[in-house]
Every structure is written in C-alpha cells, then in structure tokens.
Amino acid sequence: MNHADLRTVDDDLLPPADWAPRRRLEPGTRAALGFTALAAALLLARALAAPHIDARALDAWATIFVAICVQALPFLVFGVILSAAITAFVPPSFWRRALPRRPGAAVPVAGALGTVLPGCECASVPVAGGLMARGVAPAAALTFLLAAPAVNPVVIVATAVAFPGSPEMVAARFVASLLVAVLVGWTWTLFGKGEWIRVPSRPDAASGGRLDAFRQAMRHDIMHAGGFLVVGGIAAATINVLVPPSWVDRVADVPWLAILVLALLAVLMSICSEADAFVAASLTQFSPTAKLVFLVVGPMVDLKLIALQTGFFGRRFAVRFVPLTLVLAIGVATLVGGVLL
C-alpha cells in the first residue's frame, strides 16, 4: 500500500487542495465601495424623481427643514449641556433634598421648577433623562419635561408679545400647560410601569473625574438627540409641504373640528415653543380656544419631540406617553379656553 494514499483523521479537517482563502477588503476599500453605491443610488433616485417634483415645493421643504433644525439646535445644545452638568456636578443627594420623596408630591414641585428654565422642548428631553439618571422619579422628571418648554419665562413673554392686549391668552396658556404637565405626571405615578421606560445611562463621575463624566454625557446626548432631531425635522417639513392651506381654511368654521385640526397641525408643524405663539396669532380664522389648543399641544407633542423621546426613553415609552399627553392637552386646553377665553 502506498503511504501517499493513507489519510488520518486530521487530514479530513484540512481544506480541499483547490481551496484558496477569501481575501478581506481593506476598511478604506469597503468605505469607497459603500460611498460609490450610495452616490449611484442618489443619482438614480434623482433621475427618477426629478421630473415629478415641483421646484417650489422642494424649496419650501428645504426651508422648513433647515428652519426647524436651526431654530431648535441652540436650545438642544443648551439642554444637552445642562443635562451633562446635572450628571457630572450635581450629586444625587441634592435631588433627594430638593424634591419630596413621594412621587405624587414631587410632581407639582417638578412642574414649578419648569417655570424657571428657559428652553424649548428639545432641551427638556435630555434634561429629563439626566434627572432620571440621577435618581429622580420618572413621573417627576416627565412633569418637568412637559412643563419647562411650555411655561418658562421666555415662552410667556413671547406669548404676551404675540397677543398684545390679550393677557387672558397668556394666563390661559400658563394655567392649561402647567395643569396638563401635573396631570400627566400624576397619571404616570398611578399607572406607569418601570419596564415601559428606558432610563438613559450616564457615566459615573467618580470613575473618571467630573469633567470626564461631563464630556461623556454631552457626547452621548448630542449623538442621540441630534440624530432624532433631524428625523423629526424631515417628517415635519414633509407634512408642512403636503398639507394644503385651503384644507385648513375650510374647517376653521366648525368649532370642534377646528380644535382637532389645530392640535394636529401643532403636532405636524413642530414649531419651537419660543416661536409658536406668533404662528398661532397669525391663524386669524380660528377661535381663541383653538389657538390655545395649538399653543398647549405643540410644546408637549410634536414630531421632533416624539422622535427625541423615542430615542432617549424607548419606543415602549413613546407609544404610551404620547397618546396620554395628547388627549390631556386637548381636553384641558379646551376646558380652560372655554372658561378664560
């Protein structure tokens, strides 16, 4: 017997004689191929879609998208910086002393704290996440999330300027917004479950120093919030272009329908809370109560805010929190408008 014909068990583990190892692409080559594929896809999409896109609509979409992002970005950065500062420099014991231990009692205190922080809804999301990470009860942090962009001094002054000679509109917005924030917080205290919300993680300040924790928290939040702000801005700009103004005019004369339409527009238009009062004042065909609903719903429920909340706290949280807030905002604003306006 020829020894060349003998095989061992180890020989069966060897690759075939005609097998050659597959060469892996270098990272630079893979990046170049990916960029080429993306560029080719964009060129193909442009060639197919360009004949069907109106230039004026495209210009309007780009303008609205850029306006939303530019308007919200400074306040988003402010919120990220404040959230990182809370994470790195404020010890958890401070919040245990500042807020009542019982979540039900902490909710109205958190709502009152929202009256002193200038910022929009984009800033309130990372701040609320930072509060939760420092041990604040979710219900109290969520109350602050809703109250801060709706009843802070900048928003109140902007509303007074947009509605000169109408202090009742300013008072109605303040009362309705704060009431909605507290009611949502109390409702979450009674029925909310821990597994519904994903508390954002934060670096431990003791492990790498406070400045390092501040830097890491800022990087974490700006990556999350910035990406979801862009997603929300794209959705809001698309809706703004697709909704025809004539459709809005036809429903303004029906009171209950006007309220629902302005609530829907507040969600879709995603206007920053520092500027939405001027938009509401320009809707002269609608009733004061419908305008109030627009002002109360907008800072609490809009497309970019939904995207931010989903990114920070998870989808299971958003699908429960958003409908709850929207229903209470519409109902409370309608009741307060009927009494004060």
Protein backbone atom coordinates (compact mmCIF):
# COMPACT_ATOMS: atom_id res chain seq x y z
CA MET A 1 0.00 0.00 0.00
CA ASN A 2 1.30 3.42 -0.94
CA HIS A 3 1.73 5.65 2.08
CA ALA A 4 0.52 8.60 -0.01
CA ASP A 5 -2.94 7.03 -0.12
CA LEU A 6 -3.21 6.83 3.65
CA ARG A 7 -5.32 9.55 5.37
CA THR A 8 -5.58 10.39 9.02
CA VAL A 9 -8.38 11.96 10.99
CA ASP A 10 -6.57 15.30 10.89
CA ASP A 11 -6.41 15.15 7.09
CA ASP A 12 -10.23 15.32 6.96
CA LEU A 13 -10.09 18.67 8.71
CA LEU A 14 -7.86 20.22 6.06
CA PRO A 15 -9.39 22.33 3.26
CA PRO A 16 -9.52 20.96 -0.29
CA ALA A 17 -6.38 21.28 -2.40
CA ASP A 18 -8.03 23.76 -4.79
CA TRP A 19 -9.36 25.97 -1.98
CA ALA A 20 -7.96 29.47 -1.58
CA PRO A 21 -8.71 31.73 1.38
CA ARG A 22 -11.13 34.58 0.68
CA ARG A 23 -9.41 37.92 0.79
CA ARG A 24 -10.99 40.50 3.07
CA LEU A 25 -11.38 44.02 1.77
CA GLU A 26 -9.45 46.73 3.48
CA PRO A 27 -11.55 49.23 5.50
CA GLY A 28 -10.69 52.02 3.06
CA THR A 29 -11.80 49.89 0.12
CA ARG A 30 -15.07 49.00 1.81
CA ALA A 31 -15.73 52.68 2.58
CA ALA A 32 -15.02 53.65 -1.03
CA LEU A 33 -17.35 50.95 -2.34
CA GLY A 34 -20.07 51.99 0.09
CA PHE A 35 -19.75 55.64 -0.90
CA THR A 36 -19.86 54.69 -4.59
CA ALA A 37 -23.01 52.63 -4.06
CA LEU A 38 -24.68 55.46 -2.13
CA ALA A 39 -23.76 58.03 -4.77
CA ALA A 40 -25.10 55.77 -7.51
CA ALA A 41 -28.36 55.26 -5.61
CA LEU A 42 -28.77 59.02 -5.09
CA LEU A 43 -28.12 59.74 -8.76
CA LEU A 44 -30.64 57.08 -9.80
CA ALA A 45 -33.24 58.42 -7.36
CA ARG A 46 -32.68 61.95 -8.62
CA ALA A 47 -33.07 60.87 -12.25
CA LEU A 48 -36.32 59.02 -11.47
CA ALA A 49 -37.88 61.54 -9.10
CA ALA A 50 -36.77 64.90 -10.51
CA PRO A 51 -39.42 65.08 -13.29
CA HIS A 52 -42.19 64.58 -10.69
CA ILE A 53 -41.01 67.09 -8.04
CA ASP A 54 -42.12 70.70 -8.10
CA ALA A 55 -39.18 73.05 -7.54
CA ARG A 56 -41.19 75.40 -5.33
CA ALA A 57 -42.34 72.52 -3.12
CA LEU A 58 -38.76 71.29 -2.83
CA ASP A 59 -37.57 74.78 -1.90
CA ALA A 60 -40.33 75.05 0.72
CA TRP A 61 -39.41 71.64 2.14
CA ALA A 62 -35.73 72.57 2.42
CA THR A 63 -36.56 75.92 4.01
CA ILE A 64 -38.85 74.39 6.63
CA PHE A 65 -36.41 71.59 7.43
CA VAL A 66 -33.48 73.96 7.88
CA ALA A 67 -35.64 76.38 9.90
CA ILE A 68 -36.74 73.65 12.30
CA CYS A 69 -33.21 72.38 12.85
CA VAL A 70 -31.62 75.83 13.15
CA GLN A 71 -34.38 77.04 15.46
CA ALA A 72 -34.16 74.01 17.74
CA LEU A 73 -30.40 73.37 17.71
CA PRO A 74 -29.31 76.13 20.15
CA PHE A 75 -31.89 75.02 22.70
CA LEU A 76 -30.99 71.38 22.14
CA VAL A 77 -27.34 72.16 22.83
CA PHE A 78 -28.37 74.14 25.90
CA GLY A 79 -30.37 71.17 27.16
CA VAL A 80 -27.52 68.76 26.50
CA ILE A 81 -25.06 70.99 28.39
CA LEU A 82 -27.47 71.36 31.30
CA SER A 83 -28.15 67.61 31.36
CA ALA A 84 -24.43 66.82 31.33
CA ALA A 85 -23.84 69.34 34.13
CA ILE A 86 -26.59 67.71 36.19
CA THR A 87 -25.00 64.32 35.60
CA ALA A 88 -21.44 65.33 36.43
CA PHE A 89 -21.66 68.08 39.03
CA VAL A 90 -24.96 67.66 40.91
CA PRO A 91 -24.86 64.81 43.44
CA PRO A 92 -27.90 62.51 43.68
CA SER A 93 -28.40 63.63 47.29
CA PHE A 94 -29.35 67.12 46.04
CA TRP A 95 -32.44 65.81 44.27
CA ARG A 96 -33.44 63.79 47.31
CA ARG A 97 -33.38 67.02 49.31
CA ALA A 98 -34.96 69.26 46.65
CA LEU A 99 -37.88 67.00 45.73
CA PRO A 100 -40.32 65.28 48.05
CA ARG A 101 -39.76 61.57 48.45
CA ARG A 102 -43.31 60.65 47.44
CA PRO A 103 -43.65 60.80 43.62
CA GLY A 104 -47.15 62.23 43.91
CA ALA A 105 -45.86 65.21 45.88
CA ALA A 106 -42.73 65.56 43.72
CA VAL A 107 -44.79 66.00 40.54
CA PRO A 108 -46.17 69.53 41.20
CA VAL A 109 -42.77 70.64 42.55
CA ALA A 110 -41.13 69.45 39.32
CA GLY A 111 -43.78 71.33 37.34
CA ALA A 112 -42.99 74.50 39.27
CA LEU A 113 -39.28 74.05 38.53
CA GLY A 114 -40.14 74.10 34.84
CA THR A 115 -41.27 77.72 35.13
CA VAL A 116 -37.71 78.99 35.74
CA LEU A 117 -35.75 77.21 32.97
CA PRO A 118 -35.60 78.98 29.58
CA GLY A 119 -35.61 76.42 26.80
CA CYS A 120 -37.74 74.57 24.29
CA GLU A 121 -38.97 71.00 24.12
CA CYS A 122 -35.72 69.84 22.51
CA ALA A 123 -33.80 70.95 25.61
CA SER A 124 -36.23 69.38 28.08
CA VAL A 125 -35.78 65.80 26.83
CA PRO A 126 -32.06 65.39 27.66
CA VAL A 127 -32.55 67.29 30.92
CA ALA A 128 -35.34 64.92 31.96
CA GLY A 129 -33.12 61.98 31.04
CA GLY A 130 -30.35 63.41 33.20
CA LEU A 131 -32.75 63.81 36.12
CA MET A 132 -33.88 60.19 35.86
CA ALA A 133 -30.28 59.04 35.72
CA ARG A 134 -29.64 60.89 38.99
CA GLY A 135 -32.45 59.11 40.79
CA VAL A 136 -35.40 61.46 40.24
CA ALA A 137 -38.72 59.61 39.97
CA PRO A 138 -39.74 59.21 36.30
CA ALA A 139 -43.13 60.83 36.93
CA ALA A 140 -41.48 63.98 38.31
CA ALA A 141 -38.91 64.11 35.50
CA LEU A 142 -41.66 63.71 32.89
CA THR A 143 -43.65 66.53 34.52
CA PHE A 144 -40.61 68.75 34.21
CA LEU A 145 -40.18 67.61 30.57
CA LEU A 146 -43.68 68.86 29.72
CA ALA A 147 -43.74 72.00 31.87
CA ALA A 148 -40.33 73.50 31.10
CA PRO A 149 -40.89 74.27 27.39
CA ALA A 150 -44.46 75.48 27.93
CA VAL A 151 -44.42 77.77 30.97
CA ASN A 152 -40.87 79.14 31.17
CA PRO A 153 -40.38 82.95 31.20
CA VAL A 154 -39.21 83.17 27.58
CA VAL A 155 -42.36 81.44 26.29
CA ILE A 156 -44.66 83.53 28.48
CA VAL A 157 -43.07 86.79 27.31
CA ALA A 158 -43.22 85.64 23.67
CA THR A 159 -46.91 84.83 24.05
CA ALA A 160 -47.61 88.27 25.54
CA VAL A 161 -45.81 89.92 22.62
CA ALA A 162 -47.65 87.80 20.04
CA PHE A 163 -51.05 88.56 21.63
CA PRO A 164 -50.83 92.23 22.66
CA GLY A 165 -53.74 93.39 24.74
CA SER A 166 -54.82 89.78 25.47
CA PRO A 167 -53.48 88.88 28.93
CA GLU A 168 -56.18 86.21 29.15
CA MET A 169 -54.40 84.22 26.42
CA VAL A 170 -51.13 84.37 28.36
CA ALA A 171 -52.86 83.29 31.57
CA ALA A 172 -54.78 80.52 29.78
CA ARG A 173 -51.62 79.10 28.22
CA PHE A 174 -49.77 79.10 31.55
CA VAL A 175 -52.61 77.51 33.51
CA ALA A 176 -53.51 74.89 30.90
CA SER A 177 -49.91 73.86 30.21
CA LEU A 178 -48.93 73.52 33.85
CA LEU A 179 -52.14 71.64 34.62
CA VAL A 180 -51.52 69.17 31.78
CA ALA A 181 -47.93 68.55 32.93
CA VAL A 182 -49.03 67.83 36.50
CA LEU A 183 -51.93 65.60 35.41
CA VAL A 184 -49.66 63.57 33.14
CA GLY A 185 -47.16 63.18 35.99
CA TRP A 186 -49.82 62.02 38.42
CA THR A 187 -51.26 59.62 35.85
CA TRP A 188 -47.81 58.14 35.25
CA THR A 189 -47.38 57.80 39.02
CA LEU A 190 -50.57 55.75 39.26
CA PHE A 191 -50.35 53.61 36.13
CA GLY A 192 -46.79 53.82 34.76
CA LYS A 193 -44.55 50.76 34.94
CA GLY A 194 -40.79 50.65 35.20
CA GLU A 195 -40.36 48.38 32.19
CA TRP A 196 -42.12 50.90 29.95
CA ILE A 197 -39.32 53.46 30.16
CA ARG A 198 -35.62 53.09 29.41
CA VAL A 199 -33.71 55.32 31.80
CA PRO A 200 -30.69 56.77 29.96
CA SER A 201 -27.38 55.56 31.36
CA ARG A 202 -24.80 58.08 32.45
CA PRO A 203 -21.08 57.70 33.16
CA ASP A 204 -20.07 57.53 36.80
CA ALA A 205 -18.40 60.77 37.79
CA ALA A 206 -16.22 59.01 40.34
CA SER A 207 -14.73 56.61 37.80
CA GLY A 208 -13.05 59.18 35.55
CA GLY A 209 -13.49 62.56 37.19
CA ARG A 210 -16.33 65.06 36.89
CA LEU A 211 -15.01 66.77 33.77
CA ASP A 212 -14.65 63.42 32.01
CA ALA A 213 -18.19 62.47 33.03
CA PHE A 214 -19.43 65.84 31.74
CA ARG A 215 -17.71 65.27 28.39
CA GLN A 216 -19.01 61.71 28.02
CA ALA A 217 -22.58 62.70 28.92
CA MET A 218 -22.51 65.55 26.40
CA ARG A 219 -21.22 63.29 23.64
CA HIS A 220 -23.82 60.62 24.44
CA ASP A 221 -26.76 63.02 24.44
CA ILE A 222 -25.79 65.11 21.41
CA MET A 223 -25.37 61.97 19.29
CA HIS A 224 -28.79 60.67 20.28
CA ALA A 225 -30.72 63.95 20.31
CA GLY A 226 -29.10 65.37 17.17
CA GLY A 227 -29.93 62.35 15.04
CA PHE A 228 -33.54 62.16 16.15
CA LEU A 229 -33.96 65.92 15.74
CA VAL A 230 -33.01 65.51 12.07
CA VAL A 231 -35.51 62.65 11.68
CA GLY A 232 -38.27 64.73 13.26
CA GLY A 233 -37.36 67.75 11.16
CA ILE A 234 -37.59 65.72 7.95
CA ALA A 235 -41.03 64.40 8.91
CA ALA A 236 -42.31 67.83 9.94
CA ALA A 237 -41.06 69.51 6.76
CA THR A 238 -42.66 66.82 4.61
CA ILE A 239 -46.04 67.23 6.33
CA ASN A 240 -45.88 71.03 6.10
CA VAL A 241 -45.44 70.81 2.34
CA LEU A 242 -48.11 68.16 1.80
CA VAL A 243 -50.92 69.78 3.85
CA PRO A 244 -52.76 72.26 1.55
CA PRO A 245 -53.67 75.63 3.17
CA SER A 246 -57.15 75.57 1.58
CA TRP A 247 -57.96 72.42 3.54
CA VAL A 248 -57.25 74.26 6.79
CA ASP A 249 -59.44 77.22 5.86
CA ARG A 250 -62.50 75.06 5.20
CA VAL A 251 -62.56 73.54 8.71
CA ALA A 252 -61.98 76.75 10.69
CA ASP A 253 -65.71 77.49 10.92
CA VAL A 254 -66.52 74.19 12.72
CA PRO A 255 -65.53 74.70 16.41
CA TRP A 256 -64.81 71.13 17.45
CA LEU A 257 -63.16 70.32 14.14
CA ALA A 258 -61.04 73.48 14.32
CA ILE A 259 -59.72 72.38 17.72
CA LEU A 260 -58.74 68.96 16.41
CA VAL A 261 -57.19 70.41 13.25
CA LEU A 262 -55.02 72.90 15.14
CA ALA A 263 -53.98 70.16 17.57
CA LEU A 264 -52.96 68.03 14.60
CA LEU A 265 -51.14 70.94 12.97
CA ALA A 266 -49.26 71.62 16.21
CA VAL A 267 -48.01 68.03 16.16
CA LEU A 268 -47.08 68.09 12.48
CA MET A 269 -45.57 71.57 12.19
CA SER A 270 -43.15 71.02 15.13
CA ILE A 271 -42.59 74.72 15.84
CA CYS A 272 -40.29 75.62 18.73
CA SER A 273 -42.21 76.80 21.79
CA GLU A 274 -40.47 80.19 21.74
CA ALA A 275 -41.94 80.91 18.29
CA ASP A 276 -45.28 79.08 18.14
CA ALA A 277 -47.27 81.98 19.66
CA PHE A 278 -46.55 84.14 16.62
CA VAL A 279 -47.80 81.38 14.33
CA ALA A 280 -50.94 80.94 16.44
CA ALA A 281 -51.63 84.69 16.36
CA SER A 282 -51.47 84.61 12.55
CA LEU A 283 -54.26 82.00 12.37
CA THR A 284 -56.93 84.67 12.46
CA GLN A 285 -59.64 82.42 11.03
CA PHE A 286 -59.61 80.19 14.13
CA SER A 287 -61.22 80.76 17.53
CA PRO A 288 -59.16 81.72 20.62
CA THR A 289 -59.81 78.29 22.15
CA ALA A 290 -58.50 76.52 19.06
CA LYS A 291 -55.39 78.73 19.16
CA LEU A 292 -54.90 77.85 22.83
CA VAL A 293 -55.05 74.15 21.98
CA PHE A 294 -52.36 74.78 19.35
CA LEU A 295 -50.17 76.50 21.96
CA VAL A 296 -50.63 73.80 24.61
CA VAL A 297 -50.22 70.76 22.37
CA GLY A 298 -47.20 71.98 20.38
CA PRO A 299 -44.56 72.12 23.15
CA MET A 300 -45.69 68.74 24.51
CA VAL A 301 -46.39 66.63 21.43
CA ASP A 302 -44.79 67.17 18.02
CA LEU A 303 -42.90 65.08 15.51
CA LYS A 304 -39.38 66.04 16.53
CA LEU A 305 -40.27 65.66 20.21
CA ILE A 306 -41.73 62.20 19.59
CA ALA A 307 -38.54 61.22 17.79
CA LEU A 308 -36.39 62.56 20.63
CA GLN A 309 -38.45 60.79 23.30
CA THR A 310 -38.26 57.53 21.38
CA GLY A 311 -34.51 57.82 21.08
CA PHE A 312 -33.96 58.65 24.74
CA PHE A 313 -36.58 56.57 26.54
CA GLY A 314 -37.52 53.83 24.07
CA ARG A 315 -40.42 53.00 21.78
CA ARG A 316 -42.46 51.30 24.53
CA PHE A 317 -42.44 54.58 26.42
CA ALA A 318 -43.37 56.76 23.45
CA VAL A 319 -46.39 54.69 22.36
CA ARG A 320 -47.92 55.18 25.82
CA PHE A 321 -46.73 58.63 26.83
CA VAL A 322 -47.55 60.47 23.60
CA PRO A 323 -51.27 59.50 23.38
CA LEU A 324 -51.75 60.22 27.10
CA THR A 325 -50.21 63.67 26.78
CA LEU A 326 -52.07 64.49 23.57
CA VAL A 327 -55.51 63.58 24.95
CA LEU A 328 -54.98 65.50 28.19
CA ALA A 329 -53.54 68.52 26.35
CA ILE A 330 -56.52 68.79 24.01
CA GLY A 331 -59.07 68.22 26.78
CA VAL A 332 -57.56 70.56 29.37
CA ALA A 333 -56.84 73.35 26.85
CA THR A 334 -60.42 73.17 25.55
CA LEU A 335 -61.83 73.43 29.08
CA VAL A 336 -59.51 76.24 30.14
CA GLY A 337 -60.19 78.09 26.88
CA GLY A 338 -63.91 77.82 27.46
CA VAL A 339 -63.55 79.36 30.94
CA LEU A 340 -60.86 82.02 30.44
CA LEU A 341 -61.33 82.93 26.76
